[in-house]
Amino acid sequence: MPVAKAHLEEAIKTKLEAEHVDVIDTSNGCGQSFDVVIVSKLFEGKPLLQRHRLVNDALKDEIAVIHAFSQKTYTPEQYANLPKKE
């Protein structure tokens, strides 16, 4: 069963206390492949592997029915310091 983009966005915001979320359905709308960017204070002080484990644990129900899930995780400070695209 596919996952709706809106459902995934809401789950990320709620379960990970995300300040910013970008969800891109890379499966042409069928809800089976997503690229996500997550910005949360919960990532502060955690290395990349721990951040990804935190996301995977929080979204285990959603990820279980998705074919592909790619994530980029940032603290608010890291996200604010990313180079801005013109």
Protein backbone atom coordinates (compact mmCIF):
# COMPACT_ATOMS: atom_id res chain seq x y z
CA MET A 1 0.00 0.00 0.00
CA PRO A 2 1.53 3.34 -1.00
CA VAL A 3 2.21 6.16 1.45
CA ALA A 4 0.73 9.58 0.73
CA LYS A 5 3.23 12.45 0.63
CA ALA A 6 1.08 14.48 3.04
CA HIS A 7 0.93 11.58 5.50
CA LEU A 8 4.73 11.19 5.43
CA GLU A 9 5.24 14.93 5.94
CA GLU A 10 2.90 14.97 8.93
CA ALA A 11 4.50 11.88 10.47
CA ILE A 12 7.95 13.45 10.19
CA LYS A 13 6.81 16.75 11.69
CA THR A 14 5.03 15.05 14.58
CA LYS A 15 7.37 12.17 15.42
CA LEU A 16 10.65 14.03 14.90
CA GLU A 17 9.60 17.53 16.03
CA ALA A 18 10.81 18.78 12.66
CA GLU A 19 11.05 22.50 12.03
CA HIS A 20 11.39 22.03 8.29
CA VAL A 21 10.49 19.09 6.06
CA ASP A 22 10.86 18.61 2.32
CA VAL A 23 9.33 15.43 0.91
CA ILE A 24 9.81 14.61 -2.76
CA ASP A 25 7.92 11.66 -4.22
CA THR A 26 10.45 10.25 -6.69
CA SER A 27 8.05 7.52 -7.84
CA ASN A 28 5.95 9.83 -10.04
CA GLY A 29 3.16 9.99 -7.49
CA CYS A 30 2.69 6.31 -6.68
CA GLY A 31 4.00 6.72 -3.10
CA GLN A 32 6.74 4.11 -3.21
CA SER A 33 9.94 6.18 -3.32
CA PHE A 34 10.79 9.35 -1.41
CA ASP A 35 13.68 11.75 -0.89
CA VAL A 36 13.31 13.74 2.33
CA VAL A 37 15.10 16.60 4.06
CA ILE A 38 14.47 16.84 7.80
CA VAL A 39 15.52 19.69 10.09
CA SER A 40 15.11 18.99 13.80
CA LYS A 41 16.64 19.94 17.13
CA LEU A 42 16.52 16.23 17.97
CA PHE A 43 19.57 15.77 15.71
CA GLU A 44 21.79 18.10 17.76
CA GLY A 45 24.88 16.34 19.09
CA LYS A 46 24.16 13.16 17.12
CA PRO A 47 26.36 11.79 14.34
CA LEU A 48 24.80 10.96 10.97
CA LEU A 49 24.27 7.27 11.70
CA GLN A 50 22.38 8.00 14.94
CA ARG A 51 20.23 10.58 13.15
CA HIS A 52 19.28 8.09 10.45
CA ARG A 53 18.51 5.42 13.05
CA LEU A 54 16.30 7.91 14.89
CA VAL A 55 14.40 8.64 11.67
CA ASN A 56 14.13 4.96 10.74
CA ASP A 57 12.82 4.04 14.19
CA ALA A 58 10.30 6.91 14.27
CA LEU A 59 9.01 6.14 10.75
CA LYS A 60 9.27 2.33 10.82
CA ASP A 61 5.58 1.83 9.91
CA GLU A 62 5.80 4.18 6.94
CA ILE A 63 9.19 2.94 5.74
CA ALA A 64 8.01 -0.69 5.90
CA VAL A 65 5.66 -0.10 2.96
CA ILE A 66 7.96 2.16 0.91
CA HIS A 67 10.29 0.77 -1.74
CA ALA A 68 12.98 3.48 -1.43
CA PHE A 69 13.61 6.12 1.24
CA SER A 70 16.51 8.59 1.07
CA GLN A 71 17.06 11.05 3.89
CA LYS A 72 19.14 14.13 4.63
CA THR A 73 19.11 15.22 8.25
CA TYR A 74 20.19 18.59 9.61
CA THR A 75 20.13 20.51 12.85
CA PRO A 76 18.54 23.95 12.55
CA GLU A 77 21.98 25.57 12.66
CA GLN A 78 23.38 23.29 9.94
CA TYR A 79 20.38 23.96 7.72
CA ALA A 80 20.64 27.72 8.22
CA ASN A 81 24.30 27.59 7.16
CA LEU A 82 23.75 25.60 3.97
CA PRO A 83 24.64 27.49 0.79
CA LYS A 84 21.48 29.02 -0.63
CA LYS A 85 20.54 28.15 -4.18
CA GLU A 86 19.88 31.19 -6.34
